Amino acid sequence: MRRKIKNSALTLGMATALLLSGCNFSNSTEKVDEDNKVNQTLNVTEPADIPTLDSTKAHDGIAFTVLNNINEGLYRQDENNLPIKALATEHEESEDKVVHTFTLRDAKWSNGEPVTAQDFEYAWKRVMKDNSPYAFMFVTAGIKNAEAILNAEKDADELGIKAIDEKTLEVTLEAANPLFQTLLTFPTFLPQNQKFVEEKGDQYALEADGVLFNGPFKLVEWTHEQGWKYEKNEDYWDAKEVQLDNINVYVVKDPSTGTNLYETEKVDRVELSSALVDQYKDDANFQTMQESGLVFLRFNHNHPVLGNKDIRRAINMAIDKKGLTDVILKDGSSPLNGVVPAGFYNSPDNKDYRELNGDFNTGTVEEAQEAWTKGLKETGQKDVTVSINIADSDDQKKVAEYIQAQLEDNLPGMKLEIKAVPFAQRLEIEKAIEYDLSLSSWGPDYSDPMTYLDMWLKDGSANRMDYYNPELDKLVAQARIESDLAKRYEMLLSLEKMLLEEDAAIAPLYQEGESILIREKIKGVLVHPTGAEFSYKWASIEE
């Protein structure tokens, strides 16, 4: 999952003018006259528009954040990123932990209709019927028949979910699954109102009035490519906990525009590009955070040259990743030579996954050139011209230009062309596998290494490069049902070795960091490492 998109360039003055004229949003520094209270209006930025708010189709961090704040599922994440009951008031398990029965609290949609168990059954089965991007999460959760449905061996109506009555939902798993409760916080597991979805048809969830809400906030405005606005949902079951009245979100693609809005107190939180880190690193409101997202190169495995693993290994080794993070990015990102980032998940004996598995495909430029020469001979090539698919963002362009220089300098006969397109188009190009290399990224969906390792299953929605190793697919299936945690962890380590040591299937580049400015008065904004990035339910603005 892509959790965030780095900012891209616009003309500063024009962009600011468009933002302020196109979105009639208020400022959190204004005072409410009554009782002289601080205006509970939060102003933030996002680097791109919302592609869709259909929870069965959404597959990016921006949509997930919006869905997390306007809707409610059985569980949501708390301040410790742990699952807490949301619409579920009770969660009972059978003795073998295979059958899970949920009792729903009284809650209603923004059209006044009650949220029912049937809404969950409809939405989950719709995910499977449409083979949605995150349908594989139902397999990861171990829901009965999910894998068979994805393999077209069973019908979506046979998914192990059943509305017993309006307030009682029963979910049956293939086997006990320790990840199940955690996964229920993910937006793909949200409910949907069938009548409303079917009335809207292909226009469902494409505008603010094209989606229903049952969460802490309502989406009251959505001006495409400019921004959107939340308002507190007074009909939310836990509205007493919601302190913010409004949240204004500006689509800001240029980092200078974002900092200008911050300096003029139009926004309260802004992400900095690498070019601005040195300018603000001594600011009292400056923060740097290590994240769990990774940035990597996808290879089209059908390409006549990039399909060769020696070529892929050479490309991996030819890039100075420390120079990329320390000189180009400077935002807290760190070099990565694996697919599971550091500090993300520990073994049963409390050792970090990255530390245990070490680094893959590291070497000198000379070693990269040896692999390159070998790969060229194997493919019958002397010179190679390929392109790299990137989003049209400022930092992605900088990263791509750095990679271009590294590869062309270090690999004789290599020419790399940069093709920058809007973020959503970059994703579509990846899905169609109509690229040579693609500068891609992934954020974890849940707290387990499998969120990085089962991406590479044959025909998986996250694969997007026609990679296939039958042994990897087999081991993933075994790890999903392994109850011995120590044995399972060894399987997880082996999966990464297959992907990188044996196949050099991708080229990891770096583990993301983030540099931000956030005003001290902003309290309680939860930033999650998995699933939706932000929760605003408990946020507030102080004096």
Protein backbone atom coordinates (compact mmCIF):
# COMPACT_ATOMS: atom_id res chain seq x y z
CA MET A 1 0.00 0.00 0.00
CA ARG A 2 1.15 3.40 -0.79
CA ARG A 3 0.82 5.46 2.37
CA LYS A 4 2.03 8.79 1.08
CA ILE A 5 3.24 10.51 -2.04
CA LYS A 6 6.12 12.93 -2.01
CA ASN A 7 5.39 16.45 -3.17
CA SER A 8 5.68 17.63 -6.76
CA ALA A 9 6.37 20.98 -8.31
CA LEU A 10 3.81 23.69 -9.04
CA THR A 11 4.30 27.41 -9.38
CA LEU A 12 4.17 28.75 -5.84
CA GLY A 13 1.99 31.79 -6.35
CA MET A 14 -0.48 30.13 -8.68
CA ALA A 15 -0.83 27.06 -6.48
CA THR A 16 -1.44 29.12 -3.34
CA ALA A 17 -4.02 31.25 -5.11
CA LEU A 18 -5.86 28.20 -6.41
CA LEU A 19 -5.88 26.58 -3.00
CA LEU A 20 -7.23 29.58 -1.19
CA SER A 21 -9.79 30.51 -3.84
CA GLY A 22 -10.93 26.98 -4.69
CA CYS A 23 -11.38 25.81 -1.09
CA ASN A 24 -13.29 28.14 1.17
CA PHE A 25 -11.70 26.73 4.30
CA SER A 26 -11.36 28.47 7.64
CA ASN A 27 -8.21 28.96 9.69
CA SER A 28 -7.52 27.23 12.99
CA THR A 29 -5.97 30.40 14.42
CA GLU A 30 -9.35 32.17 14.32
CA LYS A 31 -11.32 32.35 17.56
CA VAL A 32 -14.93 31.29 18.07
CA ASP A 33 -16.72 34.30 19.53
CA GLU A 34 -18.90 32.30 21.91
CA ASP A 35 -17.01 31.73 25.19
CA ASN A 36 -13.79 32.78 23.43
CA LYS A 37 -12.95 29.13 22.66
CA VAL A 38 -10.21 28.13 20.28
CA ASN A 39 -11.67 27.29 16.90
CA GLN A 40 -11.40 23.51 16.62
CA THR A 41 -10.47 23.60 12.95
CA LEU A 42 -7.41 21.68 11.81
CA ASN A 43 -5.73 22.54 8.51
CA VAL A 44 -3.45 19.96 6.89
CA THR A 45 -2.05 19.05 3.51
CA GLU A 46 -2.03 15.93 1.35
CA PRO A 47 0.20 15.52 -1.72
CA ALA A 48 -2.53 14.24 -4.07
CA ASP A 49 -6.26 13.97 -4.61
CA ILE A 50 -8.41 11.07 -3.40
CA PRO A 51 -8.62 8.47 -6.21
CA THR A 52 -11.82 6.88 -4.84
CA LEU A 53 -13.69 6.50 -1.57
CA ASP A 54 -15.09 3.09 -2.44
CA SER A 55 -13.61 0.99 0.37
CA THR A 56 -13.75 -2.12 -1.83
CA LYS A 57 -11.57 -0.45 -4.48
CA ALA A 58 -9.31 1.95 -2.54
CA HIS A 59 -5.64 1.00 -2.48
CA ASP A 60 -3.71 4.11 -1.43
CA GLY A 61 -2.89 5.84 1.83
CA ILE A 62 -4.79 9.03 1.09
CA ALA A 63 -8.08 7.23 0.50
CA PHE A 64 -7.46 5.00 3.50
CA THR A 65 -6.98 8.03 5.78
CA VAL A 66 -10.23 9.61 4.58
CA LEU A 67 -12.15 6.33 4.92
CA ASN A 68 -10.71 5.83 8.41
CA ASN A 69 -12.09 9.19 9.51
CA ILE A 70 -15.51 9.19 7.84
CA ASN A 71 -16.35 5.52 8.43
CA GLU A 72 -16.26 2.93 11.16
CA GLY A 73 -15.70 -0.81 11.02
CA LEU A 74 -15.75 -3.51 13.67
CA TYR A 75 -12.40 -2.30 15.04
CA ARG A 76 -10.16 0.75 14.71
CA GLN A 77 -6.59 1.53 15.82
CA ASP A 78 -5.91 3.30 19.13
CA GLU A 79 -3.00 5.52 20.15
CA ASN A 80 -0.78 2.45 20.50
CA ASN A 81 -1.79 1.20 17.03
CA LEU A 82 -3.65 -1.68 18.66
CA PRO A 83 -7.15 -2.77 17.62
CA ILE A 84 -10.01 -1.54 19.81
CA LYS A 85 -13.72 -2.25 19.39
CA ALA A 86 -15.54 0.28 17.25
CA LEU A 87 -18.92 -0.82 15.85
CA ALA A 88 -18.47 -4.14 17.60
CA THR A 89 -19.64 -4.13 21.22
CA GLU A 90 -18.92 -7.82 21.70
CA HIS A 91 -16.58 -10.24 19.96
CA GLU A 92 -17.02 -13.88 20.88
CA GLU A 93 -14.82 -16.74 19.64
CA SER A 94 -15.53 -20.44 19.40
CA GLU A 95 -13.27 -22.71 21.42
CA ASP A 96 -11.07 -23.40 18.41
CA LYS A 97 -11.07 -19.66 17.52
CA VAL A 98 -12.44 -20.39 14.05
CA VAL A 99 -15.96 -18.92 14.40
CA HIS A 100 -16.14 -15.25 15.44
CA THR A 101 -19.44 -13.66 16.41
CA PHE A 102 -19.77 -9.87 16.58
CA THR A 103 -22.58 -7.89 18.18
CA LEU A 104 -23.02 -4.43 16.63
CA ARG A 105 -23.79 -1.26 18.56
CA ASP A 106 -26.52 1.16 17.50
CA ALA A 107 -25.10 3.32 14.72
CA LYS A 108 -26.46 4.93 11.59
CA TRP A 109 -25.39 6.06 8.16
CA SER A 110 -25.54 9.70 7.14
CA ASN A 111 -28.79 8.98 5.25
CA GLY A 112 -30.41 7.96 8.54
CA GLU A 113 -30.45 4.22 7.92
CA PRO A 114 -29.01 1.92 10.60
CA VAL A 115 -25.65 0.22 10.11
CA THR A 116 -26.37 -3.49 10.07
CA ALA A 117 -24.58 -6.81 9.91
CA GLN A 118 -25.88 -7.11 6.35
CA ASP A 119 -23.80 -4.04 5.44
CA PHE A 120 -20.65 -5.93 6.39
CA GLU A 121 -21.71 -9.08 4.55
CA TYR A 122 -22.55 -7.09 1.42
CA ALA A 123 -19.29 -5.09 1.40
CA TRP A 124 -17.00 -8.06 2.07
CA LYS A 125 -18.63 -10.21 -0.57
CA ARG A 126 -18.45 -7.28 -3.00
CA VAL A 127 -14.68 -7.18 -2.46
CA MET A 128 -14.50 -10.80 -3.53
CA LYS A 129 -16.96 -10.50 -6.43
CA ASP A 130 -15.03 -7.61 -7.94
CA ASN A 131 -11.61 -9.17 -7.22
CA SER A 132 -10.72 -5.85 -5.61
CA PRO A 133 -7.10 -4.72 -5.07
CA TYR A 134 -7.14 -5.78 -1.42
CA ALA A 135 -9.17 -8.97 -1.78
CA PHE A 136 -5.99 -10.82 -0.77
CA MET A 137 -6.43 -9.34 2.73
CA PHE A 138 -9.36 -11.71 3.23
CA VAL A 139 -6.97 -14.58 2.47
CA THR A 140 -4.44 -13.13 4.90
CA ALA A 141 -7.19 -12.91 7.51
CA GLY A 142 -7.92 -16.57 6.88
CA ILE A 143 -11.61 -16.09 6.13
CA LYS A 144 -13.22 -19.29 4.98
CA ASN A 145 -13.24 -19.83 1.20
CA ALA A 146 -11.46 -16.51 0.44
CA GLU A 147 -8.55 -18.19 -1.31
CA ALA A 148 -10.82 -20.57 -3.23
CA ILE A 149 -12.89 -17.59 -4.38
CA LEU A 150 -9.81 -15.74 -5.60
CA ASN A 151 -8.79 -18.90 -7.47
CA ALA A 152 -12.26 -19.01 -9.09
CA GLU A 153 -12.95 -22.33 -7.38
CA LYS A 154 -15.89 -21.00 -5.34
CA ASP A 155 -18.44 -18.21 -5.67
CA ALA A 156 -18.08 -14.97 -3.68
CA ASP A 157 -21.36 -15.72 -1.90
CA GLU A 158 -19.57 -18.63 -0.21
CA LEU A 159 -17.25 -16.31 1.72
CA GLY A 160 -17.26 -17.18 5.42
CA ILE A 161 -19.35 -14.21 6.57
CA LYS A 162 -23.02 -14.28 7.53
CA ALA A 163 -25.45 -11.74 8.95
CA ILE A 164 -27.39 -13.71 11.58
CA ASP A 165 -29.68 -10.72 12.15
CA GLU A 166 -29.32 -6.94 11.94
CA LYS A 167 -27.04 -6.77 14.98
CA THR A 168 -25.21 -10.10 14.78
CA LEU A 169 -22.39 -10.92 12.38
CA GLU A 170 -20.71 -14.30 12.14
CA VAL A 171 -17.30 -14.76 10.49
CA THR A 172 -15.81 -18.19 9.95
CA LEU A 173 -12.08 -18.71 9.38
CA GLU A 174 -10.20 -21.57 7.77
CA ALA A 175 -8.21 -21.92 10.99
CA ALA A 176 -7.32 -19.88 14.06
CA ASN A 177 -5.50 -16.74 12.92
CA PRO A 178 -3.66 -14.44 15.35
CA LEU A 179 -3.72 -11.62 12.77
CA PHE A 180 -7.51 -11.59 12.36
CA GLN A 181 -8.44 -8.93 14.91
CA THR A 182 -5.61 -6.61 13.82
CA LEU A 183 -6.64 -6.90 10.18
CA LEU A 184 -10.20 -5.81 10.99
CA THR A 185 -8.92 -2.23 11.43
CA PHE A 186 -8.03 -2.13 7.73
CA PRO A 187 -10.38 -0.06 5.48
CA THR A 188 -11.17 -2.97 3.13
CA PHE A 189 -13.14 -4.50 6.03
CA LEU A 190 -15.51 -1.50 6.30
CA PRO A 191 -19.27 -1.94 5.74
CA GLN A 192 -21.30 -0.48 2.85
CA ASN A 193 -24.99 0.31 2.45
CA GLN A 194 -26.10 -1.88 -0.46
CA LYS A 195 -29.10 0.23 -1.49
CA PHE A 196 -27.03 3.41 -1.67
CA VAL A 197 -24.13 1.77 -3.54
CA GLU A 198 -26.46 0.31 -6.16
CA GLU A 199 -28.38 3.57 -6.59
CA LYS A 200 -25.15 5.46 -7.28
CA GLY A 201 -23.82 2.80 -9.68
CA ASP A 202 -20.54 3.74 -11.35
CA GLN A 203 -20.68 7.18 -9.68
CA TYR A 204 -20.48 5.72 -6.21
CA ALA A 205 -17.81 7.28 -3.98
CA LEU A 206 -16.45 9.67 -6.63
CA GLU A 207 -17.84 12.87 -5.05
CA ALA A 208 -18.63 14.05 -1.52
CA ASP A 209 -22.34 13.37 -2.02
CA GLY A 210 -21.60 9.96 -3.55
CA VAL A 211 -20.66 8.20 -0.32
CA LEU A 212 -22.27 7.62 3.07
CA PHE A 213 -20.62 8.20 6.45
CA ASN A 214 -20.92 6.44 9.80
CA GLY A 215 -17.65 7.58 11.39
CA PRO A 216 -16.32 10.49 13.47
CA PHE A 217 -16.51 12.96 10.56
CA LYS A 218 -18.55 13.74 7.47
CA LEU A 219 -17.01 14.70 4.13
CA VAL A 220 -18.86 17.90 3.23
CA GLU A 221 -16.69 19.25 0.41
CA TRP A 222 -14.41 17.65 -2.16
CA THR A 223 -12.93 19.88 -4.86
CA HIS A 224 -10.90 17.56 -7.02
CA GLU A 225 -7.16 18.26 -7.18
CA GLN A 226 -7.61 21.11 -4.67
CA GLY A 227 -8.82 19.68 -1.38
CA TRP A 228 -11.64 18.43 0.81
CA LYS A 229 -13.29 19.26 4.10
CA TYR A 230 -14.46 17.17 7.04
CA GLU A 231 -17.06 18.20 9.61
CA LYS A 232 -17.73 16.53 12.93
CA ASN A 233 -20.45 13.88 12.60
CA GLU A 234 -22.87 14.70 15.41
CA ASP A 235 -24.70 11.41 14.79
CA TYR A 236 -21.54 9.34 15.35
CA TRP A 237 -22.02 6.87 18.19
CA ASP A 238 -18.95 8.22 20.04
CA ALA A 239 -19.32 11.90 19.06
CA LYS A 240 -18.52 13.02 22.62
CA GLU A 241 -14.90 11.96 22.05
CA VAL A 242 -14.53 14.04 18.88
CA GLN A 243 -13.14 17.51 19.66
CA LEU A 244 -12.48 18.90 16.18
CA ASP A 245 -15.33 20.65 14.39
CA ASN A 246 -13.65 20.84 10.99
CA ILE A 247 -10.62 19.54 9.14
CA ASN A 248 -9.55 21.29 5.95
CA VAL A 249 -7.26 19.32 3.67
CA TYR A 250 -5.33 21.07 0.90
CA VAL A 251 -3.85 19.15 -2.01
CA VAL A 252 -0.35 20.61 -2.05
CA LYS A 253 2.07 19.17 -4.58
CA ASP A 254 4.82 21.73 -4.21
CA PRO A 255 6.82 21.71 -0.95
CA SER A 256 7.43 25.44 -1.14
CA THR A 257 3.70 26.03 -1.38
CA GLY A 258 3.18 23.88 1.68
CA THR A 259 5.73 25.72 3.78
CA ASN A 260 4.35 29.05 2.58
CA LEU A 261 0.90 28.00 3.77
CA TYR A 262 2.46 26.94 7.07
CA GLU A 263 4.39 30.20 7.48
CA THR A 264 1.21 32.22 6.84
CA GLU A 265 -0.69 30.03 9.34
CA LYS A 266 -3.04 28.61 6.71
CA VAL A 267 -2.03 25.04 7.61
CA ASP A 268 -0.93 23.44 10.87
CA ARG A 269 1.03 20.44 9.68
CA VAL A 270 3.15 20.11 6.57
CA GLU A 271 5.64 17.60 5.27
CA LEU A 272 8.97 18.99 4.12
CA SER A 273 10.81 18.00 1.00
CA SER A 274 14.50 17.18 1.26
CA ALA A 275 15.38 20.59 -0.17
CA LEU A 276 13.72 22.31 2.79
CA VAL A 277 15.06 20.17 5.63
CA ASP A 278 18.21 22.21 6.21
CA GLN A 279 16.14 25.42 6.31
CA TYR A 280 13.80 24.16 9.04
CA LYS A 281 15.81 21.57 10.98
CA ASP A 282 16.37 24.01 13.88
CA ASP A 283 12.71 25.09 14.05
CA ALA A 284 11.01 24.24 17.37
CA ASN A 285 8.17 22.54 15.47
CA PHE A 286 10.45 20.41 13.26
CA GLN A 287 10.24 16.63 13.66
CA THR A 288 11.86 13.68 11.87
CA MET A 289 10.34 10.22 12.07
CA GLN A 290 11.44 6.84 10.75
CA GLU A 291 8.62 5.14 8.92
CA SER A 292 7.88 1.59 7.87
CA GLY A 293 7.37 2.33 4.20
CA LEU A 294 9.93 1.28 1.61
CA VAL A 295 10.81 2.63 -1.80
CA PHE A 296 12.09 0.20 -4.41
CA LEU A 297 12.47 -0.49 -8.10
CA ARG A 298 10.05 -2.88 -9.75
CA PHE A 299 11.31 -4.71 -12.82
CA ASN A 300 9.09 -5.87 -15.64
CA HIS A 301 10.02 -9.55 -15.53
CA ASN A 302 8.78 -9.98 -19.11
CA HIS A 303 11.39 -7.51 -20.40
CA PRO A 304 14.02 -9.19 -22.61
CA VAL A 305 16.88 -7.71 -20.56
CA LEU A 306 15.38 -6.87 -17.16
CA GLY A 307 13.98 -10.39 -16.99
CA ASN A 308 17.58 -11.52 -16.36
CA LYS A 309 18.42 -11.77 -12.65
CA ASP A 310 22.09 -10.85 -13.16
CA ILE A 311 20.98 -7.61 -14.81
CA ARG A 312 18.62 -6.94 -11.91
CA ARG A 313 21.35 -7.72 -9.38
CA ALA A 314 23.77 -5.40 -11.21
CA ILE A 315 21.26 -2.53 -11.15
CA ASN A 316 20.73 -3.08 -7.44
CA MET A 317 24.46 -3.00 -6.62
CA ALA A 318 25.24 -0.06 -8.93
CA ILE A 319 23.21 2.41 -6.85
CA ASP A 320 24.84 4.13 -3.87
CA LYS A 321 21.83 4.05 -1.54
CA LYS A 322 23.52 5.90 1.31
CA GLY A 323 24.27 8.79 -1.03
CA LEU A 324 20.61 8.77 -2.03
CA THR A 325 19.31 9.02 1.54
CA ASP A 326 21.99 11.23 3.07
CA VAL A 327 22.67 13.66 0.22
CA ILE A 328 19.51 13.72 -1.91
CA LEU A 329 16.67 13.03 0.53
CA LYS A 330 18.01 14.16 3.94
CA ASP A 331 14.62 13.49 5.55
CA GLY A 332 15.41 10.66 7.94
CA SER A 333 15.21 7.96 5.26
CA SER A 334 17.80 5.17 5.50
CA PRO A 335 19.34 2.76 2.96
CA LEU A 336 17.53 -0.56 2.68
CA ASN A 337 18.85 -3.84 1.32
CA GLY A 338 15.86 -5.98 2.19
CA VAL A 339 12.12 -5.90 1.71
CA VAL A 340 11.16 -5.82 5.42
CA PRO A 341 12.34 -2.55 7.02
CA ALA A 342 14.28 -2.19 10.23
CA GLY A 343 12.48 -1.72 13.52
CA PHE A 344 9.21 -3.08 12.17
CA TYR A 345 8.83 -6.53 13.68
CA ASN A 346 10.77 -8.75 16.09
CA SER A 347 11.18 -12.51 16.25
CA PRO A 348 9.68 -14.55 19.12
CA ASP A 349 13.02 -14.13 20.93
CA ASN A 350 12.86 -10.37 20.36
CA LYS A 351 15.40 -9.92 17.56
CA ASP A 352 14.74 -7.49 14.72
CA TYR A 353 13.85 -9.09 11.38
CA ARG A 354 16.27 -6.89 9.43
CA GLU A 355 19.10 -7.63 11.81
CA LEU A 356 18.46 -11.38 11.59
CA ASN A 357 18.28 -11.59 7.79
CA GLY A 358 21.03 -9.10 6.99
CA ASP A 359 21.54 -7.30 3.68
CA PHE A 360 21.04 -8.64 0.17
CA ASN A 361 22.67 -7.75 -3.15
CA THR A 362 25.26 -5.38 -1.77
CA GLY A 363 28.62 -5.04 -3.47
CA THR A 364 31.11 -2.75 -5.14
CA VAL A 365 30.68 -1.03 -8.47
CA GLU A 366 33.16 -3.53 -9.89
CA GLU A 367 30.98 -6.43 -8.72
CA ALA A 368 27.95 -4.73 -10.21
CA GLN A 369 29.79 -4.40 -13.52
CA GLU A 370 30.70 -8.10 -13.46
CA ALA A 371 27.06 -9.07 -13.00
CA TRP A 372 26.09 -6.56 -15.70
CA THR A 373 28.56 -8.01 -18.20
CA LYS A 374 27.34 -11.52 -17.43
CA GLY A 375 23.72 -10.50 -17.87
CA LEU A 376 24.39 -8.73 -21.17
CA LYS A 377 26.12 -11.83 -22.50
CA GLU A 378 23.23 -14.03 -21.40
CA THR A 379 20.69 -11.76 -23.11
CA GLY A 380 22.78 -11.09 -26.21
CA GLN A 381 22.89 -7.33 -25.69
CA LYS A 382 25.66 -4.73 -25.81
CA ASP A 383 23.72 -1.58 -25.01
CA VAL A 384 20.48 -1.26 -23.02
CA THR A 385 18.01 1.62 -23.13
CA VAL A 386 15.12 1.36 -20.68
CA SER A 387 12.70 3.79 -19.06
CA ILE A 388 11.64 4.32 -15.47
CA ASN A 389 8.00 4.99 -14.59
CA ILE A 390 7.64 7.58 -11.78
CA ALA A 391 4.99 9.82 -10.25
CA ASP A 392 5.34 13.49 -11.19
CA SER A 393 6.46 14.53 -7.73
CA ASP A 394 9.44 16.62 -6.75
CA ASP A 395 11.18 13.95 -4.65
CA GLN A 396 10.46 11.11 -7.08
CA LYS A 397 12.02 13.16 -9.85
CA LYS A 398 15.10 13.77 -7.70
CA VAL A 399 15.37 10.08 -6.85
CA ALA A 400 14.91 9.09 -10.49
CA GLU A 401 17.56 11.56 -11.66
CA TYR A 402 19.97 10.20 -9.05
CA ILE A 403 19.31 6.62 -10.15
CA GLN A 404 19.72 7.66 -13.78
CA ALA A 405 23.14 9.17 -13.07
CA GLN A 406 24.25 6.18 -10.98
CA LEU A 407 23.25 3.56 -13.52
CA GLU A 408 24.55 5.41 -16.56
CA ASP A 409 27.88 6.14 -14.81
CA ASN A 410 28.40 2.68 -13.34
CA LEU A 411 26.96 0.30 -15.93
CA PRO A 412 28.58 0.63 -19.38
CA GLY A 413 26.03 0.88 -22.18
CA MET A 414 23.13 1.65 -19.85
CA LYS A 415 20.70 4.47 -20.77
CA LEU A 416 17.78 5.31 -18.53
CA GLU A 417 14.88 7.51 -19.64
CA ILE A 418 12.59 9.10 -17.03
CA LYS A 419 8.84 9.04 -17.66
CA ALA A 420 6.94 11.13 -15.08
CA VAL A 421 3.15 10.87 -14.91
CA PRO A 422 0.48 11.73 -12.30
CA PHE A 423 0.40 9.41 -9.31
CA ALA A 424 -2.85 7.65 -10.24
CA GLN A 425 -1.59 7.08 -13.79
CA ARG A 426 1.66 5.65 -12.46
CA LEU A 427 -0.36 3.07 -10.55
CA GLU A 428 -2.38 2.18 -13.65
CA ILE A 429 0.80 1.73 -15.68
CA GLU A 430 2.13 -0.57 -12.98
CA LYS A 431 -1.07 -2.62 -12.89
CA ALA A 432 -0.94 -3.09 -16.65
CA ILE A 433 2.82 -3.89 -16.44
CA GLU A 434 3.43 -1.43 -19.26
CA TYR A 435 6.81 -0.22 -18.01
CA ASP A 436 10.46 -1.25 -17.90
CA LEU A 437 11.36 -0.11 -14.39
CA SER A 438 8.96 1.56 -11.98
CA LEU A 439 9.90 3.63 -8.93
CA SER A 440 7.46 2.19 -6.45
CA SER A 441 6.69 2.19 -2.77
CA TRP A 442 4.87 0.13 -0.21
CA GLY A 443 3.54 0.78 3.26
CA PRO A 444 2.58 -2.04 5.61
CA ASP A 445 -1.08 -2.97 5.95
CA TYR A 446 -0.68 -4.75 9.27
CA SER A 447 2.04 -5.45 11.84
CA ASP A 448 3.69 -8.60 10.49
CA PRO A 449 6.47 -9.21 7.92
CA MET A 450 3.97 -11.05 5.73
CA THR A 451 2.58 -7.67 4.67
CA TYR A 452 5.81 -7.22 2.66
CA LEU A 453 6.31 -10.86 1.69
CA ASP A 454 3.02 -12.03 0.21
CA MET A 455 3.02 -9.14 -2.27
CA TRP A 456 4.91 -11.34 -4.69
CA LEU A 457 2.44 -14.18 -5.12
CA LYS A 458 1.63 -15.12 -8.70
CA ASP A 459 -1.13 -12.88 -10.07
CA GLY A 460 -1.36 -11.03 -6.76
CA SER A 461 -2.75 -7.51 -7.03
CA ALA A 462 0.42 -6.07 -5.45
CA ASN A 463 2.82 -8.09 -7.64
CA ARG A 464 2.46 -5.86 -10.70
CA MET A 465 5.57 -7.16 -12.48
CA ASP A 466 4.75 -10.76 -13.50
CA TYR A 467 7.23 -12.21 -11.02
CA TYR A 468 6.61 -15.83 -10.11
CA ASN A 469 8.48 -18.28 -7.92
CA PRO A 470 6.35 -21.36 -7.18
CA GLU A 471 8.44 -22.15 -4.10
CA LEU A 472 7.70 -18.72 -2.68
CA ASP A 473 3.97 -19.17 -3.29
CA LYS A 474 4.11 -22.56 -1.58
CA LEU A 475 5.98 -21.23 1.46
CA VAL A 476 3.58 -18.30 1.86
CA ALA A 477 0.68 -20.76 2.02
CA GLN A 478 2.52 -22.81 4.65
CA ALA A 479 3.42 -19.77 6.76
CA ARG A 480 -0.20 -18.59 6.81
CA ILE A 481 -1.32 -21.69 8.69
CA GLU A 482 1.79 -22.36 10.80
CA SER A 483 0.86 -22.01 14.47
CA ASP A 484 4.39 -22.51 15.84
CA LEU A 485 5.62 -18.91 15.96
CA ALA A 486 9.33 -19.82 15.86
CA LYS A 487 8.87 -22.05 12.80
CA ARG A 488 6.71 -19.43 11.15
CA TYR A 489 9.37 -16.76 11.68
CA GLU A 490 11.98 -18.94 9.99
CA MET A 491 9.61 -19.25 7.04
CA LEU A 492 9.28 -15.47 6.90
CA LEU A 493 13.06 -15.09 6.81
CA SER A 494 13.29 -17.67 4.03
CA LEU A 495 10.68 -15.88 1.93
CA GLU A 496 12.82 -12.75 1.77
CA LYS A 497 15.85 -14.83 0.83
CA MET A 498 13.93 -16.37 -2.06
CA LEU A 499 12.79 -12.97 -3.30
CA LEU A 500 16.14 -11.18 -3.07
CA GLU A 501 19.00 -13.64 -2.69
CA GLU A 502 17.76 -16.22 -5.20
CA ASP A 503 15.82 -14.06 -7.65
CA ALA A 504 16.92 -10.43 -7.14
CA ALA A 505 13.28 -9.81 -8.04
CA ILE A 506 13.24 -6.15 -6.98
CA ALA A 507 15.81 -3.52 -6.01
CA PRO A 508 15.09 -2.09 -2.53
CA LEU A 509 16.31 1.49 -2.23
CA TYR A 510 15.45 3.00 1.13
CA GLN A 511 13.26 2.93 4.20
CA GLU A 512 11.26 6.11 4.34
CA GLY A 513 11.65 8.87 6.86
CA GLU A 514 9.53 11.95 7.21
CA SER A 515 10.39 15.51 8.14
CA ILE A 516 7.46 17.65 9.19
CA LEU A 517 6.47 20.92 10.77
CA ILE A 518 3.53 20.64 13.16
CA ARG A 519 2.29 23.35 15.49
CA GLU A 520 2.66 22.63 19.20
CA LYS A 521 -1.03 23.40 19.81
CA ILE A 522 -2.11 20.42 17.68
CA LYS A 523 -2.69 17.48 20.01
CA GLY A 524 -3.86 13.91 19.59
CA VAL A 525 -3.36 13.36 15.86
CA LEU A 526 -2.56 9.66 15.68
CA VAL A 527 -0.04 8.54 13.05
CA HIS A 528 -0.23 4.81 12.35
CA PRO A 529 2.55 2.73 10.79
CA THR A 530 0.02 0.37 9.19
CA GLY A 531 -3.30 0.79 7.41
CA ALA A 532 -4.68 4.33 7.42
CA GLU A 533 -1.96 6.84 8.22
CA PHE A 534 -3.93 9.36 10.31
CA SER A 535 -6.73 9.16 12.87
CA TYR A 536 -8.32 12.50 13.81
CA LYS A 537 -10.98 11.14 16.18
CA TRP A 538 -9.04 12.15 19.31
CA ALA A 539 -7.32 15.27 17.89
CA SER A 540 -7.80 18.74 19.34
CA ILE A 541 -6.39 22.26 19.22
CA GLU A 542 -5.19 23.92 22.40
CA GLU A 543 -4.36 27.53 23.26
